[in-house]
Amino acid sequence: MAYRIEFAPAVEKHLNTLTARQRKNVYDGIEAQLTSQPNIETRNRKMMRANALASWELRLGDLRVYYRVFEEPTKVVEIAAVGVKKREQVWIAGERADV
């Protein structure tokens, strides 16, 4: 069964700071990687250390999608944040984030 994708309200602001090409890569990556088995680690999906932002990270080149997976009552993937990785720092909506 496919997972439903939901975006947190703040993600719209995060996406607006990206270029059109980056937004397309994010949407395509979410569709390809997170609609089926989003809670299984792969080369591009990693479980994160405990933090307030999200429990999972999807890596799409220099883009990062942070998300949570809910199994009950329905299967949902909630996109919590979208950022850009620059060297060892992640920038979300133009601000440096500690993830």
C-alpha atoms as a PDB file:
ATOM      1  CA  MET A   1       0.000   0.000   0.000  1.00  0.00           C
ATOM      2  CA  ALA A   2       1.358   3.426  -0.925  1.00  0.00           C
ATOM      3  CA  TYR A   3       2.052   6.086   1.650  1.00  0.00           C
ATOM      4  CA  ARG A   4       0.258   9.415   1.442  1.00  0.00           C
ATOM      5  CA  ILE A   5       2.602  12.421   1.312  1.00  0.00           C
ATOM      6  CA  GLU A   6       1.780  15.466   3.464  1.00  0.00           C
ATOM      7  CA  PHE A   7       3.770  18.685   3.721  1.00  0.00           C
ATOM      8  CA  ALA A   8       4.166  20.644   6.971  1.00  0.00           C
ATOM      9  CA  PRO A   9       3.026  24.279   6.597  1.00  0.00           C
ATOM     10  CA  ALA A  10       6.614  25.630   6.820  1.00  0.00           C
ATOM     11  CA  VAL A  11       7.754  23.542   3.828  1.00  0.00           C
ATOM     12  CA  GLU A  12       6.116  25.953   1.370  1.00  0.00           C
ATOM     13  CA  LYS A  13       8.551  28.656   2.504  1.00  0.00           C
ATOM     14  CA  HIS A  14      11.455  26.201   2.230  1.00  0.00           C
ATOM     15  CA  LEU A  15      10.492  25.277  -1.334  1.00  0.00           C
ATOM     16  CA  ASN A  16      10.076  28.926  -2.375  1.00  0.00           C
ATOM     17  CA  THR A  17      13.777  29.547  -1.668  1.00  0.00           C
ATOM     18  CA  LEU A  18      14.767  26.841  -4.186  1.00  0.00           C
ATOM     19  CA  THR A  19      15.089  27.175  -7.947  1.00  0.00           C
ATOM     20  CA  ALA A  20      12.454  25.609 -10.191  1.00  0.00           C
ATOM     21  CA  ARG A  21      14.881  22.813 -11.114  1.00  0.00           C
ATOM     22  CA  GLN A  22      15.592  22.085  -7.431  1.00  0.00           C
ATOM     23  CA  ARG A  23      11.858  22.012  -6.619  1.00  0.00           C
ATOM     24  CA  LYS A  24      11.281  19.552  -9.468  1.00  0.00           C
ATOM     25  CA  ASN A  25      14.101  17.345  -8.150  1.00  0.00           C
ATOM     26  CA  VAL A  26      12.552  17.428  -4.670  1.00  0.00           C
ATOM     27  CA  TYR A  27       9.054  16.505  -5.913  1.00  0.00           C
ATOM     28  CA  ASP A  28      10.414  13.774  -8.212  1.00  0.00           C
ATOM     29  CA  GLY A  29      12.604  12.368  -5.419  1.00  0.00           C
ATOM     30  CA  ILE A  30       9.737  12.336  -2.940  1.00  0.00           C
ATOM     31  CA  GLU A  31       7.488  10.563  -5.447  1.00  0.00           C
ATOM     32  CA  ALA A  32      10.133   7.976  -6.341  1.00  0.00           C
ATOM     33  CA  GLN A  33      11.597   7.336  -2.882  1.00  0.00           C
ATOM     34  CA  LEU A  34       8.927   7.948  -0.253  1.00  0.00           C
ATOM     35  CA  THR A  35       5.615   6.592  -1.554  1.00  0.00           C
ATOM     36  CA  SER A  36       6.726   3.003  -1.018  1.00  0.00           C
ATOM     37  CA  GLN A  37       8.756   1.751   1.976  1.00  0.00           C
ATOM     38  CA  PRO A  38       9.979   5.157   3.248  1.00  0.00           C
ATOM     39  CA  ASN A  39      11.165   3.651   6.534  1.00  0.00           C
ATOM     40  CA  ILE A  40      13.793   1.341   5.028  1.00  0.00           C
ATOM     41  CA  GLU A  41      17.361   2.650   4.859  1.00  0.00           C
ATOM     42  CA  THR A  42      18.893   2.861   1.406  1.00  0.00           C
ATOM     43  CA  ARG A  43      21.816   4.671  -0.144  1.00  0.00           C
ATOM     44  CA  ASN A  44      19.796   7.916  -0.198  1.00  0.00           C
ATOM     45  CA  ARG A  45      17.500   7.423   2.830  1.00  0.00           C
ATOM     46  CA  LYS A  46      19.001   7.516   6.302  1.00  0.00           C
ATOM     47  CA  MET A  47      17.554   7.371   9.779  1.00  0.00           C
ATOM     48  CA  MET A  48      18.800  10.373  11.742  1.00  0.00           C
ATOM     49  CA  ARG A  49      19.979  10.680  15.312  1.00  0.00           C
ATOM     50  CA  ALA A  50      17.286  11.895  17.690  1.00  0.00           C
ATOM     51  CA  ASN A  51      16.388  15.539  16.972  1.00  0.00           C
ATOM     52  CA  ALA A  52      13.362  17.823  16.963  1.00  0.00           C
ATOM     53  CA  LEU A  53      13.213  18.257  13.186  1.00  0.00           C
ATOM     54  CA  ALA A  54      12.618  14.765  11.777  1.00  0.00           C
ATOM     55  CA  SER A  55      13.585  11.139  12.143  1.00  0.00           C
ATOM     56  CA  TRP A  56      14.531  10.485   8.487  1.00  0.00           C
ATOM     57  CA  GLU A  57      16.604  12.210   5.803  1.00  0.00           C
ATOM     58  CA  LEU A  58      16.307  11.797   2.034  1.00  0.00           C
ATOM     59  CA  ARG A  59      19.417  12.842   0.116  1.00  0.00           C
ATOM     60  CA  LEU A  60      18.914  14.167  -3.418  1.00  0.00           C
ATOM     61  CA  GLY A  61      22.329  15.415  -4.504  1.00  0.00           C
ATOM     62  CA  ASP A  62      22.909  18.607  -2.506  1.00  0.00           C
ATOM     63  CA  LEU A  63      19.235  18.755  -1.469  1.00  0.00           C
ATOM     64  CA  ARG A  64      17.937  17.283   1.788  1.00  0.00           C
ATOM     65  CA  VAL A  65      14.344  16.321   2.583  1.00  0.00           C
ATOM     66  CA  TYR A  66      13.602  15.702   6.268  1.00  0.00           C
ATOM     67  CA  TYR A  67      10.547  13.609   7.039  1.00  0.00           C
ATOM     68  CA  ARG A  68       8.622  11.502   9.546  1.00  0.00           C
ATOM     69  CA  VAL A  69       6.785   8.236   8.887  1.00  0.00           C
ATOM     70  CA  PHE A  70       3.447   7.381  10.513  1.00  0.00           C
ATOM     71  CA  GLU A  71       1.955   3.893  10.186  1.00  0.00           C
ATOM     72  CA  GLU A  72      -1.274   4.283  12.169  1.00  0.00           C
ATOM     73  CA  PRO A  73      -4.131   5.030  11.621  1.00  0.00           C
ATOM     74  CA  THR A  74      -3.128   5.511   7.972  1.00  0.00           C
ATOM     75  CA  LYS A  75       0.240   5.337   6.229  1.00  0.00           C
ATOM     76  CA  VAL A  76       1.546   8.888   5.970  1.00  0.00           C
ATOM     77  CA  VAL A  77       4.915  10.477   5.229  1.00  0.00           C
ATOM     78  CA  GLU A  78       5.076  14.012   6.616  1.00  0.00           C
ATOM     79  CA  ILE A  79       7.683  16.231   4.963  1.00  0.00           C
ATOM     80  CA  ALA A  80       9.019  18.400   7.808  1.00  0.00           C
ATOM     81  CA  ALA A  81      11.697  20.456   6.011  1.00  0.00           C
ATOM     82  CA  VAL A  82      13.613  20.836   2.755  1.00  0.00           C
ATOM     83  CA  GLY A  83      17.125  22.255   2.677  1.00  0.00           C
ATOM     84  CA  VAL A  84      20.323  22.598   0.694  1.00  0.00           C
ATOM     85  CA  LYS A  85      23.600  21.027   1.844  1.00  0.00           C
ATOM     86  CA  LYS A  86      26.630  23.310   1.443  1.00  0.00           C
ATOM     87  CA  ARG A  87      29.782  21.565   2.618  1.00  0.00           C
ATOM     88  CA  GLU A  88      29.041  20.445   6.186  1.00  0.00           C
ATOM     89  CA  GLN A  89      26.112  22.828   6.719  1.00  0.00           C
ATOM     90  CA  VAL A  90      22.437  22.558   5.825  1.00  0.00           C
ATOM     91  CA  TRP A  91      20.521  25.697   4.875  1.00  0.00           C
ATOM     92  CA  ILE A  92      16.741  25.688   5.222  1.00  0.00           C
ATOM     93  CA  ALA A  93      14.823  28.693   3.861  1.00  0.00           C
ATOM     94  CA  GLY A  94      18.032  30.698   3.682  1.00  0.00           C
ATOM     95  CA  GLU A  95      18.993  30.053   7.311  1.00  0.00           C
ATOM     96  CA  ARG A  96      21.619  27.673   8.647  1.00  0.00           C
ATOM     97  CA  ALA A  97      20.015  24.711  10.397  1.00  0.00           C
ATOM     98  CA  ASP A  98      21.460  22.414  13.042  1.00  0.00           C
ATOM     99  CA  VAL A  99      20.390  18.958  11.954  1.00  0.00           C
END
